[in-house]
Amino acid sequence: MEPIAGTSQRPRLLAVDDAAASAELIARIADRSGFSACYVSDPTTVVTVIRSWHPAIIVTDICMPQMDAIELWNSLRLLEFTGELMLVSGQNETLRQQAGKLAGIKGLKVVANMQKPLNIRMFGEILKSRLSHVWAS
């Protein structure tokens, strides 16, 4: 787990992507948007990080060599993750939408489904809107 500077009193966001630079970029945007953020580039560590850090939002890629979306959704379900999930992927829209539907079937709350490369401004706006929602809940 690689933390990005920020106060621990802010809602927590975990970025998960096998491409470390992408995960770090997501975490930095989250930090600038008001979250306490960290990232992992090894998806097999997600379970440990969630258990110890309890993020309110997870932003994740859906196609990673060490763990695919189905495995991640199953892990989140077993952990009884009740936070929000944002999907970020370079995969085509159909695959991203199917992954989002499957997450919903597994009981996960998908609040965004975005194409890589990210539109940084739009992503920051989405995060800011989610921040107010997370604070309200």
Protein backbone atom coordinates (compact mmCIF):
# COMPACT_ATOMS: atom_id res chain seq x y z
CA MET A 1 0.00 0.00 0.00
CA GLU A 2 1.39 3.35 -1.04
CA PRO A 3 -0.19 6.30 0.78
CA ILE A 4 -0.58 9.72 -0.75
CA ALA A 5 -0.15 12.64 1.68
CA GLY A 6 -3.41 13.62 3.33
CA THR A 7 -5.14 13.69 6.67
CA SER A 8 -6.56 10.47 8.00
CA GLN A 9 -9.81 12.22 9.03
CA ARG A 10 -10.89 12.52 5.41
CA PRO A 11 -12.88 9.72 3.71
CA ARG A 12 -10.58 7.04 2.35
CA LEU A 13 -10.15 6.04 -1.27
CA LEU A 14 -8.15 3.03 -2.45
CA ALA A 15 -6.90 2.93 -6.06
CA VAL A 16 -6.20 -0.55 -7.46
CA ASP A 17 -4.40 -0.99 -10.78
CA ASP A 18 -1.60 -3.31 -11.87
CA ALA A 19 -0.08 -0.27 -13.62
CA ALA A 20 1.46 1.53 -10.66
CA ALA A 21 1.59 4.90 -12.45
CA SER A 22 -2.13 4.72 -13.17
CA ALA A 23 -2.97 3.75 -9.59
CA GLU A 24 -0.79 6.57 -8.26
CA LEU A 25 -2.41 9.11 -10.60
CA ILE A 26 -5.88 8.10 -9.40
CA ALA A 27 -4.77 8.40 -5.77
CA ARG A 28 -3.21 11.84 -6.36
CA ILE A 29 -6.38 13.13 -8.02
CA ALA A 30 -8.38 11.74 -5.10
CA ASP A 31 -6.09 13.46 -2.61
CA ARG A 32 -6.53 16.79 -4.42
CA SER A 33 -10.29 16.19 -4.42
CA GLY A 34 -10.44 15.87 -0.63
CA PHE A 35 -9.88 12.16 0.06
CA SER A 36 -7.22 10.43 2.06
CA ALA A 37 -5.91 8.16 -0.69
CA CYS A 38 -3.58 5.24 -1.17
CA TYR A 39 -2.92 2.85 -4.01
CA VAL A 40 -1.85 -0.71 -4.65
CA SER A 41 -0.41 -2.09 -7.87
CA ASP A 42 -0.62 -5.70 -6.70
CA PRO A 43 -4.31 -6.59 -6.57
CA THR A 44 -3.57 -9.64 -4.42
CA THR A 45 -2.93 -7.24 -1.51
CA VAL A 46 -6.38 -5.61 -1.76
CA VAL A 47 -7.99 -7.84 0.87
CA THR A 48 -5.31 -7.04 3.43
CA VAL A 49 -5.50 -3.30 2.72
CA ILE A 50 -9.30 -3.22 2.97
CA ARG A 51 -9.25 -5.11 6.27
CA SER A 52 -6.72 -2.73 7.80
CA TRP A 53 -7.58 0.60 6.17
CA HIS A 54 -11.36 0.45 5.50
CA PRO A 55 -11.73 2.64 2.39
CA ALA A 56 -15.07 4.29 1.63
CA ILE A 57 -14.41 4.09 -2.12
CA ILE A 58 -12.40 1.68 -4.24
CA VAL A 59 -11.37 2.76 -7.74
CA THR A 60 -10.18 -0.25 -9.71
CA ASP A 61 -9.15 -1.53 -13.09
CA ILE A 62 -11.10 -4.62 -14.19
CA CYS A 63 -8.43 -6.54 -16.14
CA MET A 64 -5.32 -7.23 -14.11
CA PRO A 65 -3.03 -10.23 -14.50
CA GLN A 66 -2.95 -11.17 -10.82
CA MET A 67 -6.71 -10.82 -10.14
CA ASP A 68 -9.60 -10.25 -12.52
CA ALA A 69 -12.80 -8.38 -11.78
CA ILE A 70 -14.76 -11.52 -10.85
CA GLU A 71 -12.17 -12.51 -8.25
CA LEU A 72 -12.10 -8.98 -6.88
CA TRP A 73 -15.91 -8.76 -6.68
CA ASN A 74 -16.00 -12.10 -4.83
CA SER A 75 -13.35 -10.88 -2.37
CA LEU A 76 -15.23 -7.63 -1.76
CA ARG A 77 -18.44 -9.54 -1.18
CA LEU A 78 -16.76 -11.89 1.32
CA LEU A 79 -15.33 -8.86 3.11
CA GLU A 80 -18.85 -7.38 3.21
CA PHE A 81 -17.52 -4.21 1.59
CA THR A 82 -20.31 -1.62 1.79
CA GLY A 83 -18.49 1.30 0.22
CA GLU A 84 -18.63 2.58 -3.32
CA LEU A 85 -16.89 1.10 -6.33
CA MET A 86 -15.60 2.99 -9.37
CA LEU A 87 -14.41 1.12 -12.44
CA VAL A 88 -11.62 2.51 -14.59
CA SER A 89 -10.49 0.46 -17.57
CA GLY A 90 -9.05 0.60 -21.03
CA GLN A 91 -11.46 -2.18 -22.05
CA ASN A 92 -14.34 -1.47 -24.40
CA GLU A 93 -17.59 -0.07 -23.08
CA THR A 94 -19.48 -3.36 -23.39
CA LEU A 95 -16.96 -5.19 -21.20
CA ARG A 96 -16.89 -2.34 -18.67
CA GLN A 97 -20.71 -2.29 -18.50
CA GLN A 98 -20.87 -6.08 -18.05
CA ALA A 99 -18.28 -5.90 -15.25
CA GLY A 100 -20.37 -3.19 -13.58
CA LYS A 101 -23.55 -5.27 -13.86
CA LEU A 102 -21.80 -8.28 -12.38
CA ALA A 103 -20.54 -6.17 -9.48
CA GLY A 104 -24.12 -5.04 -8.87
CA ILE A 105 -25.35 -8.63 -8.90
CA LYS A 106 -22.69 -9.39 -6.27
CA GLY A 107 -24.20 -6.64 -4.11
CA LEU A 108 -21.56 -3.98 -4.79
CA LYS A 109 -22.46 -0.34 -5.36
CA VAL A 110 -20.90 0.84 -8.63
CA VAL A 111 -21.09 4.65 -8.83
CA ALA A 112 -18.87 5.29 -11.88
CA ASN A 113 -17.60 3.37 -14.88
CA MET A 114 -14.87 5.24 -16.77
CA GLN A 115 -12.68 4.71 -19.82
CA LYS A 116 -8.88 4.96 -19.74
CA PRO A 117 -7.16 7.21 -20.38
CA LEU A 118 -8.99 9.20 -17.75
CA ASN A 119 -10.33 12.65 -18.36
CA ILE A 120 -8.62 14.09 -15.26
CA ARG A 121 -10.93 17.08 -14.91
CA MET A 122 -14.08 14.96 -15.19
CA PHE A 123 -12.69 12.36 -12.80
CA GLY A 124 -11.89 15.06 -10.23
CA GLU A 125 -15.44 16.40 -10.51
CA ILE A 126 -16.90 12.92 -10.00
CA LEU A 127 -14.70 12.43 -6.94
CA LYS A 128 -15.76 15.78 -5.46
CA SER A 129 -19.43 14.86 -5.90
CA ARG A 130 -18.82 11.47 -4.28
CA LEU A 131 -16.95 13.16 -1.43
CA SER A 132 -20.04 15.13 -0.42
CA HIS A 133 -22.08 11.93 -0.65
CA VAL A 134 -19.62 9.96 1.50
CA TRP A 135 -19.53 12.73 4.12
CA ALA A 136 -23.34 12.76 4.20
CA SER A 137 -23.62 9.03 4.86
